[in-house]
């Protein structure tokens, strides 16, 4: 007896469901699970975890982490990682970039009343430029080097002016009547980073004032074109989980590490070289150093006795 067409269609769909369930729900997961135990792949499948000298797991080879104390201060005996925008820092559940680009140069200043009360102004926003400037100043202080960068003030914020006055046909202010340092808030900064611009005294920015009518002009300043503090020391990676730093940033930290651990700087530089990875396939990306692996080697060879 020939079955009705609707019933044949339902039986065919049921057979397809059973076959796909077996293949995708049983065979494929089991195959992947078996592959994960192949020598050379098992460590990656388990998260590429790294153990310290005492056998305890201290992190992952592929996920960065901060080497700071409970207050967020850098531990001077360790190499520091690059900044992270993932959650509170290196959070695998919140991997993300800051989504700020080259045009992010003007801060949204915080309410001074909230700051004086020890509270955080949720409406305040720090531009990418100021983030870079602040990080460069912090690294310079930690490492004892020159942290100056183009378009940064000595105080560690973006060097950006708003020119207010008549404009020409191209929209540029020709003869400013007022000049404001947009990222230097009155009460926080007593003297702007530059005293005058085109013969007009520069003023600090007042909270709540609208300066959008002004022409925004970044000021390069006299910083070198190639700053002492490398770019990866002041910018976060796209994922926020990058476990590597550049060899240049590692070498910048070597004098501090050597002094803190009481060993010759040449030995620290050799440790950096031993942990340096070249370009992928010889031509992709740049040389890099895994911070966690480097710090573990230092603990093994040159224990910190603080």
Protein backbone atom coordinates (compact mmCIF):
# COMPACT_ATOMS: atom_id res chain seq x y z
CA UNK A 1 0.00 0.00 0.00
CA UNK A 2 1.39 3.38 -0.99
CA UNK A 3 1.70 5.84 1.90
CA UNK A 4 0.20 9.31 1.58
CA UNK A 5 2.64 11.92 0.35
CA UNK A 6 2.45 13.96 3.58
CA UNK A 7 3.40 10.90 5.61
CA UNK A 8 6.31 10.05 3.27
CA UNK A 9 7.61 13.62 3.67
CA UNK A 10 7.44 13.39 7.44
CA UNK A 11 9.24 10.03 7.48
CA UNK A 12 11.98 11.42 5.21
CA UNK A 13 12.42 14.40 7.52
CA UNK A 14 12.60 12.07 10.52
CA UNK A 15 15.28 9.93 8.84
CA UNK A 16 17.29 13.07 8.00
CA UNK A 17 16.95 14.24 11.60
CA UNK A 18 18.21 10.92 12.95
CA UNK A 19 21.16 10.76 10.53
CA UNK A 20 22.24 14.36 11.25
CA UNK A 21 21.82 13.81 14.98
CA UNK A 22 24.16 10.81 14.88
CA UNK A 23 26.73 12.58 12.67
CA UNK A 24 26.71 16.05 14.25
CA UNK A 25 25.61 15.17 17.77
CA UNK A 26 27.68 12.04 18.38
CA UNK A 27 30.30 11.22 15.72
CA UNK A 28 31.65 14.78 15.24
CA UNK A 29 31.96 15.69 18.97
CA UNK A 30 33.63 12.33 19.73
CA UNK A 31 36.06 12.81 16.82
CA UNK A 32 37.00 16.30 18.04
CA UNK A 33 37.43 14.98 21.59
CA UNK A 34 39.74 12.21 20.33
CA UNK A 35 41.78 14.66 18.24
CA UNK A 36 42.28 16.80 21.35
CA UNK A 37 44.30 13.97 22.91
CA UNK A 38 46.79 13.73 20.04
CA UNK A 39 50.31 14.54 21.31
CA UNK A 40 51.14 18.14 20.50
CA UNK A 41 47.49 19.20 20.47
CA UNK A 42 46.38 18.24 23.96
CA UNK A 43 47.96 21.27 25.63
CA UNK A 44 46.21 23.63 23.23
CA UNK A 45 42.90 21.87 23.82
CA UNK A 46 43.33 22.32 27.57
CA UNK A 47 43.83 26.08 27.21
CA UNK A 48 47.61 26.22 26.72
CA UNK A 49 48.10 26.49 30.47
CA UNK A 50 51.55 27.21 31.91
CA UNK A 51 52.90 25.97 35.23
CA UNK A 52 55.42 27.71 37.46
CA UNK A 53 58.44 26.06 39.06
CA UNK A 54 56.30 24.80 41.95
CA UNK A 55 53.94 23.02 39.54
CA UNK A 56 51.04 25.42 40.01
CA UNK A 57 49.17 26.73 36.98
CA UNK A 58 49.85 30.47 36.73
CA UNK A 59 48.12 31.35 33.47
CA UNK A 60 47.70 30.65 29.79
CA UNK A 61 50.29 30.99 27.07
CA UNK A 62 47.74 32.61 24.77
CA UNK A 63 45.95 34.98 27.19
CA UNK A 64 47.72 38.00 28.69
CA UNK A 65 47.50 39.03 32.31
CA UNK A 66 48.47 41.94 34.52
CA UNK A 67 51.48 41.78 36.84
CA UNK A 68 50.30 44.25 39.46
CA UNK A 69 49.51 44.37 43.17
CA UNK A 70 46.04 44.64 44.71
CA UNK A 71 46.05 48.41 44.13
CA UNK A 72 46.93 48.08 40.45
CA UNK A 73 50.53 49.17 40.86
CA UNK A 74 53.13 47.47 38.70
CA UNK A 75 55.21 44.78 40.42
CA UNK A 76 58.72 46.01 39.68
CA UNK A 77 60.26 42.53 39.62
CA UNK A 78 58.13 41.54 36.63
CA UNK A 79 57.89 42.56 33.00
CA UNK A 80 54.65 44.43 32.39
CA UNK A 81 52.12 43.50 29.71
CA UNK A 82 50.56 45.88 27.24
CA UNK A 83 47.28 47.64 28.19
CA UNK A 84 43.97 45.78 27.89
CA UNK A 85 40.44 46.98 27.15
CA UNK A 86 38.86 43.58 27.86
CA UNK A 87 36.60 44.13 30.87
CA UNK A 88 38.72 45.13 33.84
CA UNK A 89 41.74 43.85 31.93
CA UNK A 90 42.48 40.56 30.14
CA UNK A 91 38.99 39.22 30.82
CA UNK A 92 38.34 36.38 28.30
CA UNK A 93 34.58 36.76 28.85
CA UNK A 94 34.70 40.41 27.81
CA UNK A 95 37.27 40.39 25.02
CA UNK A 96 36.97 43.65 23.11
CA UNK A 97 38.78 46.67 21.75
CA UNK A 98 38.28 50.25 22.90
CA UNK A 99 36.68 51.17 19.52
CA UNK A 100 38.44 54.54 19.56
CA UNK A 101 40.20 55.87 16.49
CA UNK A 102 42.61 58.63 15.46
CA UNK A 103 39.89 61.28 15.70
CA UNK A 104 39.33 60.58 19.40
CA UNK A 105 41.40 63.49 20.74
CA UNK A 106 39.03 65.51 22.95
CA UNK A 107 38.11 64.38 26.49
CA UNK A 108 34.72 64.77 28.13
CA UNK A 109 35.82 66.32 31.40
CA UNK A 110 34.50 65.03 34.75
CA UNK A 111 32.36 67.07 37.12
CA UNK A 112 34.82 68.60 39.62
CA UNK A 113 32.22 68.36 42.39
CA UNK A 114 32.01 64.58 41.98
CA UNK A 115 35.78 64.29 41.82
CA UNK A 116 36.15 66.35 45.01
CA UNK A 117 33.67 64.04 46.72
CA UNK A 118 35.70 61.00 45.67
CA UNK A 119 33.05 59.83 43.20
CA UNK A 120 33.34 58.84 39.56
CA UNK A 121 31.59 60.84 36.87
CA UNK A 122 30.01 58.24 34.59
CA UNK A 123 29.56 60.83 31.85
CA UNK A 124 33.27 61.64 31.67
CA UNK A 125 35.17 60.05 28.78
CA UNK A 126 38.88 59.88 28.11
CA UNK A 127 39.93 60.19 24.48
CA UNK A 128 42.29 57.72 22.87
CA UNK A 129 44.92 60.46 22.60
CA UNK A 130 44.83 61.17 26.34
CA UNK A 131 44.89 57.45 27.13
CA UNK A 132 48.06 57.11 25.08
CA UNK A 133 49.61 60.21 26.66
CA UNK A 134 48.78 59.09 30.21
CA UNK A 135 50.09 55.58 29.66
CA UNK A 136 53.30 56.92 28.16
CA UNK A 137 53.83 59.16 31.19
CA UNK A 138 53.16 56.24 33.56
CA UNK A 139 55.58 53.92 31.75
CA UNK A 140 58.21 56.66 31.68
CA UNK A 141 57.89 57.14 35.45
CA UNK A 142 58.15 53.41 36.11
CA UNK A 143 61.14 52.89 33.82
CA UNK A 144 62.90 56.20 34.43
CA UNK A 145 62.91 57.27 30.77
CA UNK A 146 61.61 60.11 28.64
CA UNK A 147 57.87 59.62 28.07
CA UNK A 148 57.25 62.56 25.76
CA UNK A 149 55.16 61.91 22.64
CA UNK A 150 53.89 64.08 19.80
CA UNK A 151 50.54 65.76 20.60
CA UNK A 152 50.88 65.06 24.33
CA UNK A 153 51.25 67.61 27.13
CA UNK A 154 53.96 67.21 29.78
CA UNK A 155 51.13 66.41 32.20
CA UNK A 156 50.07 63.36 30.19
CA UNK A 157 46.91 64.45 28.35
CA UNK A 158 46.20 65.24 24.71
CA UNK A 159 47.63 68.60 23.62
CA UNK A 160 44.54 69.95 21.88
CA UNK A 161 43.37 73.56 21.54
CA UNK A 162 40.02 75.06 20.59
CA UNK A 163 40.36 78.29 18.60
CA UNK A 164 37.40 80.64 18.86
CA UNK A 165 37.10 83.58 16.48
CA UNK A 166 36.31 84.57 12.89
CA UNK A 167 36.88 81.96 10.19
CA UNK A 168 37.98 82.10 6.57
CA UNK A 169 36.23 80.45 3.64
CA UNK A 170 37.91 77.12 4.43
CA UNK A 171 36.50 77.23 7.96
CA UNK A 172 39.80 77.92 9.72
CA UNK A 173 40.04 80.48 12.50
CA UNK A 174 42.40 83.17 11.24
CA UNK A 175 42.54 85.54 14.21
CA UNK A 176 41.47 83.74 17.40
CA UNK A 177 39.95 85.83 20.15
CA UNK A 178 39.96 82.97 22.66
CA UNK A 179 42.07 79.80 22.90
CA UNK A 180 41.15 76.88 25.18
CA UNK A 181 43.23 73.82 26.12
CA UNK A 182 40.38 71.34 25.83
CA UNK A 183 41.86 68.46 27.86
CA UNK A 184 43.23 70.54 30.74
CA UNK A 185 40.46 71.25 33.23
CA UNK A 186 40.52 74.33 35.42
CA UNK A 187 41.23 73.35 39.01
CA UNK A 188 43.18 70.29 37.88
CA UNK A 189 45.74 72.18 35.82
CA UNK A 190 46.92 75.57 36.99
CA UNK A 191 48.92 76.48 33.90
CA UNK A 192 48.09 75.21 30.36
CA UNK A 193 50.80 73.33 28.51
CA UNK A 194 51.37 76.34 26.25
CA UNK A 195 51.10 79.95 27.44
CA UNK A 196 49.89 81.53 24.21
CA UNK A 197 48.84 80.66 20.68
CA UNK A 198 49.04 83.24 17.88
CA UNK A 199 49.44 85.96 20.46
CA UNK A 200 46.37 84.92 22.49
CA UNK A 201 46.71 83.59 26.04
CA UNK A 202 45.66 79.96 26.37
CA UNK A 203 43.00 79.20 29.00
CA UNK A 204 42.13 75.98 30.78
CA UNK A 205 38.80 74.30 30.03
CA UNK A 206 35.87 74.97 32.34
CA UNK A 207 33.51 72.13 33.17
CA UNK A 208 30.13 72.52 31.47
CA UNK A 209 31.33 75.10 28.94
CA UNK A 210 30.46 74.46 25.29
CA UNK A 211 33.54 74.78 23.09
CA UNK A 212 32.11 73.06 20.02
CA UNK A 213 32.06 76.35 18.12
CA UNK A 214 35.86 76.41 18.26
CA UNK A 215 38.22 74.92 15.70
CA UNK A 216 39.98 71.90 17.21
CA UNK A 217 43.75 72.05 16.66
CA UNK A 218 46.14 69.34 17.93
CA UNK A 219 49.57 70.69 18.89
CA UNK A 220 52.47 68.40 18.01
CA UNK A 221 55.00 69.92 20.39
CA UNK A 222 58.72 69.19 20.46
CA UNK A 223 58.61 65.46 21.24
CA UNK A 224 60.74 63.16 19.05
CA UNK A 225 59.12 61.48 16.06
CA UNK A 226 60.11 58.09 17.51
CA UNK A 227 59.24 58.15 21.24
CA UNK A 228 61.28 56.20 23.76
CA UNK A 229 58.16 54.39 24.99
CA UNK A 230 57.04 51.94 22.23
CA UNK A 231 53.53 51.98 20.78
CA UNK A 232 52.54 48.61 22.26
CA UNK A 233 53.22 49.98 25.75
CA UNK A 234 50.49 52.62 25.34
CA UNK A 235 47.89 50.93 23.12
CA UNK A 236 45.67 47.91 23.71
CA UNK A 237 45.33 45.04 21.26
CA UNK A 238 42.15 44.41 19.29
CA UNK A 239 41.19 41.46 21.49
CA UNK A 240 42.45 42.91 24.77
CA UNK A 241 44.05 39.51 25.47
CA UNK A 242 47.43 39.81 23.72
CA UNK A 243 49.99 37.89 25.83
CA UNK A 244 52.95 39.40 23.98
CA UNK A 245 54.94 42.62 23.96
CA UNK A 246 57.48 43.84 21.45
CA UNK A 247 61.18 43.14 22.06
CA UNK A 248 61.67 46.91 22.21
CA UNK A 249 59.23 47.24 25.12
CA UNK A 250 60.85 44.27 26.86
CA UNK A 251 64.32 45.80 26.50
CA UNK A 252 63.01 49.10 27.86
CA UNK A 253 62.02 47.28 31.07
CA UNK A 254 65.27 45.31 31.39
CA UNK A 255 67.18 47.85 33.56
CA UNK A 256 64.35 47.93 36.13
CA UNK A 257 64.08 44.14 36.22
CA UNK A 258 67.84 43.72 36.62
CA UNK A 259 68.04 46.28 39.42
CA UNK A 260 65.03 44.86 41.29
CA UNK A 261 66.24 41.26 41.06
CA UNK A 262 69.87 42.15 41.69
CA UNK A 263 71.30 40.57 38.53
CA UNK A 264 73.36 41.95 35.62
CA UNK A 265 71.29 43.57 32.90
CA UNK A 266 73.00 41.36 30.30
CA UNK A 267 71.40 38.29 31.84
CA UNK A 268 67.93 39.86 31.67
CA UNK A 269 68.54 40.83 28.03
CA UNK A 270 69.56 37.25 27.30
CA UNK A 271 66.34 35.99 28.89
CA UNK A 272 64.41 38.31 26.59
CA UNK A 273 66.26 36.97 23.57
CA UNK A 274 65.64 33.36 24.65
CA UNK A 275 61.89 34.01 24.84
CA UNK A 276 61.59 36.03 21.64
CA UNK A 277 59.40 34.54 18.92
CA UNK A 278 60.02 35.50 15.30
CA UNK A 279 57.49 36.36 12.63
CA UNK A 280 54.87 33.71 11.89
CA UNK A 281 56.06 31.64 8.91
CA UNK A 282 58.97 34.04 8.71
CA UNK A 283 57.04 36.97 7.26
CA UNK A 284 53.73 37.49 9.08
CA UNK A 285 53.55 40.02 11.92
CA UNK A 286 56.46 41.22 14.04
CA UNK A 287 58.83 39.56 16.53
CA UNK A 288 57.28 39.32 19.99
CA UNK A 289 57.95 38.17 23.54
CA UNK A 290 55.52 36.18 25.68
CA UNK A 291 55.38 38.09 28.98
CA UNK A 292 54.21 35.21 31.19
CA UNK A 293 56.84 32.79 29.90
CA UNK A 294 59.54 35.42 30.33
CA UNK A 295 58.51 36.19 33.92
CA UNK A 296 58.41 32.49 34.79
CA UNK A 297 61.95 32.05 33.47
CA UNK A 298 63.11 34.98 35.58
CA UNK A 299 61.54 33.44 38.69
CA UNK A 300 63.33 30.16 37.98
CA UNK A 301 66.76 31.61 37.22
CA UNK A 302 66.80 34.79 39.26
CA UNK A 303 64.25 34.59 42.12
CA UNK A 304 63.13 37.89 43.56
CA UNK A 305 64.07 38.27 47.22
CA UNK A 306 62.17 41.37 48.25
